[in-house]
């Protein structure tokens, strides 16, 4: 699998386009093999993609974690 920054951005964008409720940081690490989702989201924003961040609490076997949920607002890129 190509794991370049560009490929990771493409996977995130495709996932967000299909999932209207967005994706959390943990979901992107687990499902999309993106280890630094926040960095890739920042890059997408710089390319003109409108993505909002909602903070949620995620429960894991080790406890509660504050986690970003990213939701796509616009599919437009420059």
N, C-alpha and C. Protein backbone atom coordinates (compact mmCIF):
# COMPACT_ATOMS: atom_id res chain seq x y z
N UNK A 1 0.84 -1.17 0.00
CA UNK A 1 0.00 0.00 0.00
C UNK A 1 0.89 1.24 0.00
N UNK A 2 0.55 2.20 -0.84
CA UNK A 2 1.26 3.47 -0.87
C UNK A 2 0.86 4.26 0.38
N UNK A 3 1.84 4.65 1.17
CA UNK A 3 1.54 5.36 2.41
C UNK A 3 2.15 6.76 2.42
N UNK A 4 2.29 7.32 1.21
CA UNK A 4 2.79 8.69 1.10
C UNK A 4 1.75 9.65 1.69
N UNK A 5 2.18 10.86 1.98
CA UNK A 5 1.25 11.87 2.49
C UNK A 5 0.09 12.08 1.54
N UNK A 6 0.37 12.12 0.24
CA UNK A 6 -0.69 12.32 -0.75
C UNK A 6 -1.69 11.17 -0.71
N UNK A 7 -1.19 9.96 -0.64
CA UNK A 7 -2.07 8.80 -0.58
C UNK A 7 -2.92 8.81 0.69
N UNK A 8 -2.31 9.19 1.82
CA UNK A 8 -3.06 9.28 3.07
C UNK A 8 -4.16 10.34 2.97
N UNK A 9 -3.83 11.49 2.37
CA UNK A 9 -4.85 12.54 2.20
C UNK A 9 -6.00 12.05 1.33
N UNK A 10 -5.68 11.32 0.27
CA UNK A 10 -6.71 10.79 -0.62
C UNK A 10 -7.61 9.80 0.12
N UNK A 11 -7.02 8.93 0.94
CA UNK A 11 -7.82 7.97 1.70
C UNK A 11 -8.73 8.68 2.70
N UNK A 12 -8.19 9.68 3.38
CA UNK A 12 -9.00 10.43 4.34
C UNK A 12 -10.14 11.13 3.64
N UNK A 13 -9.86 11.82 2.55
CA UNK A 13 -10.90 12.56 1.83
C UNK A 13 -11.99 11.62 1.33
N UNK A 14 -11.61 10.50 0.75
CA UNK A 14 -12.60 9.52 0.26
C UNK A 14 -13.45 9.00 1.42
N UNK A 15 -12.82 8.73 2.55
CA UNK A 15 -13.55 8.23 3.73
C UNK A 15 -14.53 9.27 4.24
N UNK A 16 -14.08 10.53 4.33
CA UNK A 16 -14.96 11.59 4.82
C UNK A 16 -16.11 11.85 3.85
N UNK A 17 -15.87 11.70 2.56
CA UNK A 17 -16.94 11.89 1.58
C UNK A 17 -18.02 10.82 1.71
N UNK A 18 -17.63 9.62 2.12
CA UNK A 18 -18.58 8.51 2.27
C UNK A 18 -19.27 8.50 3.63
N UNK A 19 -18.66 9.13 4.63
CA UNK A 19 -19.18 9.07 6.00
C UNK A 19 -19.55 10.46 6.47
N UNK A 20 -20.83 10.77 6.39
CA UNK A 20 -21.29 12.12 6.73
C UNK A 20 -21.05 12.49 8.19
N UNK A 21 -20.86 11.51 9.05
CA UNK A 21 -20.59 11.78 10.46
C UNK A 21 -19.11 11.95 10.73
N UNK A 22 -18.30 11.84 9.70
CA UNK A 22 -16.87 12.05 9.83
C UNK A 22 -16.13 10.86 10.38
N UNK A 23 -14.95 11.14 10.91
CA UNK A 23 -14.10 10.08 11.46
C UNK A 23 -13.24 10.65 12.57
N UNK A 24 -13.02 9.83 13.59
CA UNK A 24 -12.15 10.25 14.69
C UNK A 24 -10.70 9.94 14.33
N UNK A 25 -9.82 10.54 15.10
CA UNK A 25 -8.40 10.27 14.95
C UNK A 25 -8.13 8.78 15.08
N UNK A 26 -8.71 8.15 16.09
CA UNK A 26 -8.48 6.72 16.31
C UNK A 26 -9.00 5.88 15.14
N UNK A 27 -10.16 6.25 14.57
CA UNK A 27 -10.70 5.52 13.41
C UNK A 27 -9.76 5.62 12.21
N UNK A 28 -9.19 6.80 12.01
CA UNK A 28 -8.30 6.97 10.86
C UNK A 28 -7.00 6.19 11.05
N UNK A 29 -6.50 6.12 12.27
CA UNK A 29 -5.30 5.32 12.53
C UNK A 29 -5.60 3.86 12.26
N UNK A 30 -6.71 3.38 12.80
CA UNK A 30 -7.05 1.96 12.70
C UNK A 30 -7.52 1.55 11.30
N UNK A 31 -8.43 2.31 10.71
CA UNK A 31 -9.07 1.91 9.45
C UNK A 31 -8.35 2.37 8.19
N UNK A 32 -7.60 3.48 8.29
CA UNK A 32 -6.98 4.05 7.09
C UNK A 32 -5.46 3.99 7.11
N UNK A 33 -4.88 3.48 8.20
CA UNK A 33 -3.42 3.38 8.33
C UNK A 33 -2.75 4.75 8.21
N UNK A 34 -3.37 5.76 8.84
CA UNK A 34 -2.82 7.11 8.88
C UNK A 34 -2.39 7.37 10.32
N UNK A 35 -1.09 7.46 10.57
CA UNK A 35 -0.60 7.57 11.93
C UNK A 35 -0.68 8.98 12.50
N UNK A 36 -0.72 10.00 11.64
CA UNK A 36 -0.84 11.38 12.10
C UNK A 36 -1.99 12.07 11.38
N UNK A 37 -3.22 11.68 11.68
CA UNK A 37 -4.38 12.24 10.98
C UNK A 37 -4.47 13.76 11.07
N UNK A 38 -4.12 14.33 12.21
CA UNK A 38 -4.20 15.78 12.36
C UNK A 38 -3.34 16.52 11.35
N UNK A 39 -2.16 15.99 11.08
CA UNK A 39 -1.27 16.60 10.09
C UNK A 39 -1.87 16.52 8.69
N UNK A 40 -2.43 15.36 8.35
CA UNK A 40 -3.04 15.22 7.03
C UNK A 40 -4.28 16.10 6.89
N UNK A 41 -5.07 16.25 7.96
CA UNK A 41 -6.24 17.13 7.94
C UNK A 41 -5.79 18.57 7.72
N UNK A 42 -4.73 18.98 8.39
CA UNK A 42 -4.18 20.33 8.22
C UNK A 42 -3.77 20.56 6.76
N UNK A 43 -3.14 19.58 6.16
CA UNK A 43 -2.73 19.69 4.76
C UNK A 43 -3.94 19.80 3.84
N UNK A 44 -4.98 19.01 4.11
CA UNK A 44 -6.20 19.10 3.30
C UNK A 44 -6.83 20.48 3.43
N UNK A 45 -6.84 21.02 4.64
CA UNK A 45 -7.39 22.37 4.83
C UNK A 45 -6.61 23.40 4.03
N UNK A 46 -5.30 23.27 4.00
CA UNK A 46 -4.46 24.20 3.22
C UNK A 46 -4.75 24.08 1.73
N UNK A 47 -5.24 22.92 1.30
CA UNK A 47 -5.62 22.71 -0.11
C UNK A 47 -7.03 23.21 -0.40
N UNK A 48 -7.72 23.74 0.61
CA UNK A 48 -9.04 24.31 0.41
C UNK A 48 -10.20 23.43 0.81
N UNK A 49 -9.94 22.27 1.38
CA UNK A 49 -11.01 21.38 1.81
C UNK A 49 -11.53 21.87 3.16
N UNK A 50 -12.83 22.08 3.24
CA UNK A 50 -13.43 22.55 4.49
C UNK A 50 -13.77 21.37 5.39
N UNK A 51 -13.06 21.28 6.49
CA UNK A 51 -13.24 20.21 7.46
C UNK A 51 -13.34 20.86 8.83
N UNK A 52 -14.37 20.49 9.58
CA UNK A 52 -14.52 21.01 10.94
C UNK A 52 -14.11 19.92 11.93
N UNK A 53 -13.72 20.38 13.11
CA UNK A 53 -13.31 19.48 14.18
C UNK A 53 -14.31 19.55 15.31
N UNK A 54 -14.81 18.40 15.72
CA UNK A 54 -15.66 18.29 16.91
C UNK A 54 -14.89 17.44 17.91
N UNK A 55 -14.86 17.88 19.16
CA UNK A 55 -14.16 17.12 20.18
C UNK A 55 -15.13 16.17 20.86
N UNK A 56 -14.74 14.91 20.94
CA UNK A 56 -15.59 13.87 21.53
C UNK A 56 -14.77 13.07 22.54
N UNK A 57 -15.47 12.39 23.42
CA UNK A 57 -14.82 11.48 24.36
C UNK A 57 -14.95 10.06 23.81
N UNK A 58 -13.83 9.38 23.70
CA UNK A 58 -13.80 8.01 23.21
C UNK A 58 -13.36 7.11 24.37
N UNK A 59 -14.08 6.01 24.54
CA UNK A 59 -13.74 5.06 25.60
C UNK A 59 -12.99 3.88 25.00
N UNK A 60 -11.85 3.57 25.58
CA UNK A 60 -11.09 2.39 25.17
C UNK A 60 -10.89 1.50 26.39
N UNK A 61 -10.24 0.39 26.19
CA UNK A 61 -10.00 -0.51 27.32
C UNK A 61 -9.07 0.11 28.37
N UNK A 62 -8.41 1.22 28.02
CA UNK A 62 -7.53 1.89 28.98
C UNK A 62 -8.15 3.14 29.60
N UNK A 63 -9.35 3.49 29.18
CA UNK A 63 -10.00 4.66 29.77
C UNK A 63 -10.59 5.61 28.75
N UNK A 64 -10.86 6.82 29.22
CA UNK A 64 -11.47 7.86 28.39
C UNK A 64 -10.39 8.72 27.74
N UNK A 65 -10.66 9.10 26.48
CA UNK A 65 -9.72 9.94 25.74
C UNK A 65 -10.49 11.02 25.00
N UNK A 66 -9.99 12.25 25.06
CA UNK A 66 -10.53 13.33 24.23
C UNK A 66 -9.98 13.12 22.83
N UNK A 67 -10.87 13.10 21.85
CA UNK A 67 -10.49 12.72 20.50
C UNK A 67 -11.15 13.66 19.50
N UNK A 68 -10.44 13.99 18.45
CA UNK A 68 -11.01 14.83 17.39
C UNK A 68 -11.86 13.98 16.46
N UNK A 69 -13.04 14.50 16.11
CA UNK A 69 -13.85 13.92 15.04
C UNK A 69 -13.88 14.95 13.93
N UNK A 70 -13.39 14.56 12.76
CA UNK A 70 -13.31 15.45 11.62
C UNK A 70 -14.51 15.20 10.69
N UNK A 71 -15.16 16.29 10.29
CA UNK A 71 -16.33 16.19 9.43
C UNK A 71 -16.11 17.08 8.22
N UNK A 72 -16.35 16.52 7.04
CA UNK A 72 -16.19 17.24 5.79
C UNK A 72 -17.37 18.18 5.58
N UNK A 73 -17.07 19.45 5.29
CA UNK A 73 -18.11 20.43 4.99
C UNK A 73 -18.16 20.68 3.49
N UNK A 74 -17.00 20.74 2.87
CA UNK A 74 -16.92 21.04 1.44
C UNK A 74 -16.01 20.04 0.76
N UNK A 75 -16.38 19.64 -0.44
CA UNK A 75 -15.57 18.71 -1.22
C UNK A 75 -14.65 19.43 -2.19
N UNK A 76 -14.63 20.75 -2.16
CA UNK A 76 -13.86 21.55 -3.10
C UNK A 76 -12.39 21.61 -2.70
N UNK A 77 -11.51 21.42 -3.66
CA UNK A 77 -10.08 21.62 -3.44
C UNK A 77 -9.56 22.59 -4.49
N UNK A 78 -8.47 23.26 -4.18
CA UNK A 78 -7.86 24.20 -5.14
C UNK A 78 -6.97 23.45 -6.10
